[in-house]
Protein backbone atom coordinates (compact mmCIF):
# COMPACT_ATOMS: atom_id res chain seq x y z
CA MET A 1 0.00 0.00 0.00
CA THR A 2 1.28 3.48 -0.89
CA SER A 3 2.24 5.67 2.05
CA ARG A 4 1.44 9.34 2.31
CA GLN A 5 5.13 10.13 1.73
CA ASP A 6 4.94 8.49 -1.72
CA MET A 7 2.15 10.80 -2.89
CA MET A 8 3.11 13.62 -5.23
CA LEU A 9 -0.10 15.50 -4.45
CA GLN A 10 -1.81 15.29 -1.06
CA VAL A 11 -5.02 17.11 -0.20
CA HIS A 12 -5.96 16.86 3.46
CA ASP A 13 -9.10 18.14 5.22
CA LEU A 14 -9.67 20.86 2.62
CA HIS A 15 -12.63 23.22 3.22
CA PHE A 16 -13.89 26.07 1.04
CA SER A 17 -16.87 28.44 1.25
CA TYR A 18 -18.37 31.10 -1.02
CA ASN A 19 -19.73 33.99 1.05
CA ARG A 20 -19.94 31.73 4.12
CA HIS A 21 -21.81 29.08 2.13
CA PRO A 22 -19.88 25.78 2.40
CA VAL A 23 -18.93 24.39 -1.01
CA LEU A 24 -16.24 21.83 -0.16
CA SER A 25 -15.77 20.03 3.14
CA ALA A 26 -13.20 17.59 4.53
CA MET A 27 -11.60 16.86 1.13
CA CYS A 28 -8.91 14.18 1.50
CA PHE A 29 -7.14 12.36 -1.33
CA GLY A 30 -3.76 11.82 -2.93
CA VAL A 31 -2.27 11.29 -6.39
CA GLU A 32 0.99 9.51 -7.11
CA ALA A 33 3.50 10.31 -9.83
CA GLY A 34 2.38 8.72 -13.09
CA GLU A 35 -1.29 8.69 -12.09
CA LEU A 36 -4.27 10.40 -13.71
CA LEU A 37 -7.18 11.11 -11.36
CA ALA A 38 -10.71 11.87 -12.62
CA ILE A 39 -12.91 14.06 -10.39
CA LEU A 40 -16.52 13.10 -11.04
CA GLY A 41 -19.92 14.29 -9.85
CA PRO A 42 -23.02 16.25 -10.87
CA ASN A 43 -23.05 19.89 -11.92
CA GLY A 44 -22.49 22.31 -9.06
CA VAL A 45 -20.87 19.80 -6.74
CA GLY A 46 -17.57 21.72 -6.58
CA LYS A 47 -15.29 19.99 -9.11
CA THR A 48 -13.92 23.21 -10.64
CA THR A 49 -13.70 24.86 -7.23
CA LEU A 50 -11.58 21.96 -5.99
CA LEU A 51 -9.11 22.38 -8.86
CA LYS A 52 -8.84 26.11 -8.13
CA CYS A 53 -8.14 25.39 -4.46
CA ILE A 54 -5.37 22.94 -5.37
CA ASN A 55 -3.43 25.60 -7.29
CA ALA A 56 -4.34 28.42 -4.88
CA ILE A 57 -6.55 30.40 -7.27
CA HIS A 58 -9.07 30.07 -4.43
CA LYS A 59 -7.89 30.26 -0.84
CA PRO A 60 -9.36 27.39 1.19
CA ALA A 61 -10.92 28.11 4.57
CA GLY A 62 -8.92 25.23 6.01
CA GLY A 63 -6.81 22.22 5.20
CA THR A 64 -3.57 21.66 3.32
CA VAL A 65 -2.46 20.98 -0.25
CA LEU A 66 0.97 19.40 -0.44
CA LEU A 67 3.06 19.11 -3.61
CA GLU A 68 5.94 16.72 -2.96
CA GLY A 69 5.68 17.67 0.71
CA HIS A 70 5.56 21.46 0.14
CA ASN A 71 2.45 23.40 1.13
CA VAL A 72 1.14 24.90 -2.12
CA LEU A 73 -0.88 27.50 -0.20
CA ARG A 74 2.36 28.99 1.14
CA LEU A 75 4.23 29.11 -2.18
CA ARG A 76 4.71 32.30 -4.17
CA PRO A 77 2.71 32.57 -7.44
CA ALA A 78 5.92 32.16 -9.45
CA GLU A 79 6.72 28.92 -7.62
CA ILE A 80 3.21 27.61 -8.24
CA ALA A 81 3.49 28.48 -11.94
CA THR A 82 6.62 26.35 -12.33
CA SER A 83 5.06 23.40 -10.51
CA ILE A 84 1.38 23.32 -11.48
CA GLY A 85 -0.10 23.56 -14.97
CA TYR A 86 -3.77 24.54 -15.10
CA VAL A 87 -6.13 24.23 -18.08
CA ALA A 88 -9.42 26.03 -17.49
CA GLN A 89 -12.74 25.05 -19.09
CA LYS A 90 -12.67 28.16 -21.26
CA SER A 91 -9.65 30.03 -22.51
CA GLU A 92 -9.84 33.72 -23.32
CA THR A 93 -9.05 34.71 -26.86
CA SER A 94 -6.69 37.54 -27.81
CA ARG A 95 -4.53 38.74 -30.68
CA PHE A 96 -1.72 36.36 -29.78
CA THR A 97 -0.71 33.85 -32.40
CA VAL A 98 -0.99 30.18 -31.48
CA PHE A 99 2.81 30.00 -31.17
CA ASP A 100 3.02 33.02 -28.86
CA ALA A 101 0.07 31.82 -26.76
CA VAL A 102 1.83 28.51 -26.14
CA LEU A 103 5.16 30.29 -25.54
CA MET A 104 3.49 32.17 -22.66
CA GLY A 105 3.60 28.90 -20.76
CA ARG A 106 7.41 29.17 -20.68
CA MET A 107 7.39 32.56 -18.93
CA PRO A 108 7.79 31.15 -15.38
CA HIS A 109 11.07 29.58 -16.55
CA VAL A 110 12.45 32.54 -18.52
CA ARG A 111 15.20 34.48 -16.73
CA TRP A 112 16.27 37.29 -19.07
CA LYS A 113 15.08 36.31 -22.51
CA VAL A 114 13.53 33.43 -24.41
CA GLU A 115 16.22 30.88 -25.23
CA ASP A 116 16.47 28.35 -28.05
CA ASP A 117 15.53 25.59 -25.61
CA ASP A 118 12.27 27.39 -24.84
CA LEU A 119 11.43 27.60 -28.53
CA LYS A 120 12.22 23.91 -29.01
CA ILE A 121 9.91 22.97 -26.13
CA VAL A 122 7.10 25.03 -27.68
CA GLU A 123 7.69 23.48 -31.11
CA ALA A 124 7.56 19.99 -29.59
CA ALA A 125 4.26 20.76 -27.85
CA LEU A 126 2.77 22.13 -31.08
CA ARG A 127 3.72 18.93 -32.87
CA ARG A 128 2.33 16.78 -30.08
CA LEU A 129 -1.02 18.58 -30.16
CA GLY A 130 -1.21 18.76 -33.97
CA LEU A 131 -1.05 22.57 -33.99
CA VAL A 132 1.98 23.21 -36.22
CA HIS A 133 -0.17 24.24 -39.19
CA LEU A 134 -1.95 26.80 -36.99
CA GLN A 135 1.08 28.26 -35.20
CA LEU A 136 0.92 31.64 -37.00
CA ARG A 137 -2.87 31.91 -36.81
CA TYR A 138 -4.34 34.29 -34.22
CA ILE A 139 -6.11 32.41 -31.46
CA ASP A 140 -9.30 34.44 -31.92
CA GLN A 141 -9.48 32.94 -35.43
CA ILE A 142 -9.42 29.26 -34.46
CA SER A 143 -12.16 26.88 -33.34
CA GLY A 144 -13.09 26.12 -29.75
CA GLY A 145 -11.54 22.69 -30.00
CA GLU A 146 -8.31 24.09 -31.40
CA LEU A 147 -8.25 26.71 -28.65
CA GLN A 148 -8.56 23.93 -26.08
CA LYS A 149 -5.52 22.23 -27.59
CA VAL A 150 -3.60 25.51 -27.36
CA ALA A 151 -4.45 25.76 -23.65
CA ILE A 152 -3.23 22.20 -23.07
CA ALA A 153 -0.02 22.87 -25.02
CA ARG A 154 0.61 26.01 -22.96
CA ALA A 155 0.25 24.01 -19.74
CA LEU A 156 2.57 21.26 -21.01
CA VAL A 157 5.40 23.65 -21.87
CA GLN A 158 5.39 24.83 -18.25
CA GLU A 159 6.86 21.38 -17.53
CA PRO A 160 4.82 21.17 -14.33
CA ARG A 161 4.89 18.45 -11.70
CA ILE A 162 1.09 18.47 -11.51
CA LEU A 163 -1.31 19.00 -14.40
CA LEU A 164 -4.84 20.20 -13.54
CA LEU A 165 -7.45 20.03 -16.31
CA ASP A 166 -11.02 21.30 -16.05
CA GLU A 167 -13.14 19.42 -18.60
CA PRO A 168 -10.21 19.08 -21.04
CA THR A 169 -12.27 17.46 -23.81
CA SER A 170 -15.49 19.48 -23.58
CA SER A 171 -14.94 21.25 -26.93
CA LEU A 172 -13.49 18.29 -28.79
CA ASP A 173 -15.05 15.76 -31.14
CA LEU A 174 -14.76 12.04 -30.38
CA ARG A 175 -11.56 11.49 -32.36
CA ASN A 176 -9.79 14.43 -30.70
CA GLN A 177 -11.08 13.45 -27.26
CA ILE A 178 -9.42 10.07 -27.60
CA ALA A 179 -6.23 11.56 -29.04
CA ILE A 180 -5.89 14.21 -26.34
CA LEU A 181 -6.60 11.90 -23.40
CA THR A 182 -4.29 9.22 -24.79
CA MET A 183 -1.58 11.87 -25.08
CA LEU A 184 -2.23 13.23 -21.56
CA ARG A 185 -2.04 9.79 -20.00
CA ARG A 186 1.21 9.10 -21.85
CA VAL A 187 2.71 12.46 -20.79
CA VAL A 188 1.77 11.89 -17.14
CA ASP A 189 3.37 8.46 -17.24
CA GLU A 190 6.52 9.36 -19.20
CA HIS A 191 7.31 12.47 -17.16
CA GLY A 192 6.31 11.14 -13.76
CA MET A 193 3.69 13.84 -13.31
CA ALA A 194 0.43 13.74 -11.37
CA GLY A 195 -2.66 14.53 -13.44
CA VAL A 196 -6.04 15.64 -12.09
CA MET A 197 -8.99 16.26 -14.40
CA THR A 198 -12.68 17.01 -13.96
CA MET A 199 -15.00 15.18 -16.31
CA HIS A 200 -18.73 14.99 -17.05
CA ASP A 201 -18.49 11.97 -19.35
CA LEU A 202 -18.16 9.03 -16.98
CA ASN A 203 -17.21 6.48 -19.61
CA THR A 204 -14.48 8.63 -21.12
CA ALA A 205 -13.09 9.36 -17.66
CA LEU A 206 -13.08 5.69 -16.67
CA ARG A 207 -11.41 4.75 -19.95
CA PHE A 208 -8.36 6.96 -19.39
CA ALA A 209 -8.02 7.66 -15.64
CA HIS A 210 -6.22 5.42 -13.19
CA LYS A 211 -8.30 6.58 -10.22
CA PHE A 212 -11.60 8.34 -9.55
CA LEU A 213 -12.87 10.79 -6.95
CA LEU A 214 -16.67 10.85 -6.73
CA LEU A 215 -18.12 13.99 -5.13
CA LYS A 216 -21.54 14.45 -3.56
CA ASP A 217 -22.80 17.49 -1.63
CA GLY A 218 -19.32 19.04 -1.63
CA ALA A 219 -17.63 16.03 -0.04
CA VAL A 220 -15.84 12.89 -1.18
CA PHE A 221 -18.48 10.16 -1.49
CA ALA A 222 -16.16 7.48 -2.88
CA ALA A 223 -12.62 7.16 -4.24
CA GLY A 224 -10.38 4.44 -5.57
CA ARG A 225 -9.04 2.72 -8.65
CA VAL A 226 -11.44 2.86 -11.60
CA GLU A 227 -12.00 -0.89 -11.37
CA GLU A 228 -13.38 -0.37 -7.85
CA LEU A 229 -16.28 1.82 -9.00
CA THR A 230 -19.72 0.22 -8.56
CA SER A 231 -23.12 0.98 -9.99
CA ASP A 232 -24.40 1.68 -6.47
CA MET A 233 -21.88 4.52 -6.14
CA VAL A 234 -22.92 6.07 -9.44
CA GLN A 235 -26.63 5.75 -8.69
CA GLU A 236 -26.25 7.29 -5.23
CA VAL A 237 -24.31 10.31 -6.54
CA TYR A 238 -26.18 10.98 -9.79
CA GLY A 239 -29.64 9.76 -8.76
CA VAL A 240 -29.95 7.63 -11.91
CA PRO A 241 -30.21 3.84 -12.03
CA VAL A 242 -27.26 2.45 -13.96
CA ASP A 243 -25.73 -0.85 -14.88
CA LEU A 244 -21.98 -1.33 -14.98
CA HIS A 245 -20.28 -3.60 -17.52
CA ILE A 246 -16.71 -4.35 -18.52
CA ILE A 247 -16.31 -3.99 -22.28
CA GLY A 248 -12.93 -4.18 -23.94
CA GLY A 249 -11.34 -4.27 -20.50
CA TYR A 250 -12.84 -0.95 -19.40
CA PRO A 251 -15.83 -0.17 -17.15
CA ILE A 252 -18.86 1.19 -19.01
CA VAL A 253 -21.74 2.91 -17.20
CA VAL A 254 -25.11 2.27 -18.87
CA PRO A 255 -28.08 4.39 -17.67
CA MET A 256 -31.25 2.36 -17.19
CA ASP A 257 -34.88 3.25 -17.80
CA CYS A 258 -36.42 3.64 -14.35
CA ASP A 259 -39.63 2.03 -15.60
CA MET A 260 -37.94 -1.04 -17.02
CA ASP A 261 -38.41 -4.34 -15.26
CA HIS A 262 -34.73 -4.85 -14.56
CA PRO A 263 -32.82 -6.17 -11.58
CA HIS A 264 -31.78 -3.44 -9.17
CA PRO A 265 -28.35 -2.08 -10.11
CA GLY A 266 -25.64 -2.23 -7.56
CA HIS A 267 -24.04 -5.58 -8.17
CA ASP A 268 -20.39 -5.63 -9.08
CA ALA A 269 -19.32 -4.98 -12.65
CA LYS A 270 -20.28 -7.77 -15.02
CA ALA A 271 -17.65 -9.22 -17.25
CA HIS A 272 -18.75 -8.80 -20.86
CA ASP A 273 -15.31 -8.48 -22.33
CA HIS A 274 -15.48 -8.93 -26.09
CA ASP A 275 -11.75 -8.46 -26.64
CA HIS A 276 -10.45 -11.75 -25.31
């Protein structure tokens, strides 16, 4: 079993309130190097707020956020920027070119001027995200999906220890969703980073994440490896009867018609693996 000391990211007893209204309470979880964690739950449960507390955009009312043992809430903004990459749900457009927008991610590392190594890192990220052909286009002239890729590229060139992503595939079509999440999982693994992403699409999240964090009423309802998720957990959090199957080696959540004469969900995942 992994000890607390082995965790790259540790969140302990985190609380947050908006105007004295509690939003998050007693948040406790950890992410190891090379792991991708999916934060799941209904709209308004505090998924985005939790990400913003982790990188100190929001100041929690209590608790600690530790990055490799260092309290993130006590770090200077410049130190946070070199350690944590954050991709928001929506990126603001401007008259930057795609290349310059991605290059902005190198600013926390730049001492006096942009060096050749910085340019090479940006060029590599543009290739990885399939953005080379758009690098001289202004970002207010590209699609929402392309803009999302730019935001991810900008976070990657920061070379962070932790990557936080708020709905990273919300503007992408199916093909690009798969490509981006495959790439993110590979990057997290190859560079020994910790990845944390919020997701609405349960099946996509369970396909690519190593672990899940299921939120209900601003608190952690359940957490674990994706293979430990049960239909009871999903039904309790989302209020929808579901069945849970294993297809192609991955858990698939199937919503059920409440009026159907069907056994009550909540049994363990059924093995219907067609890729033997």
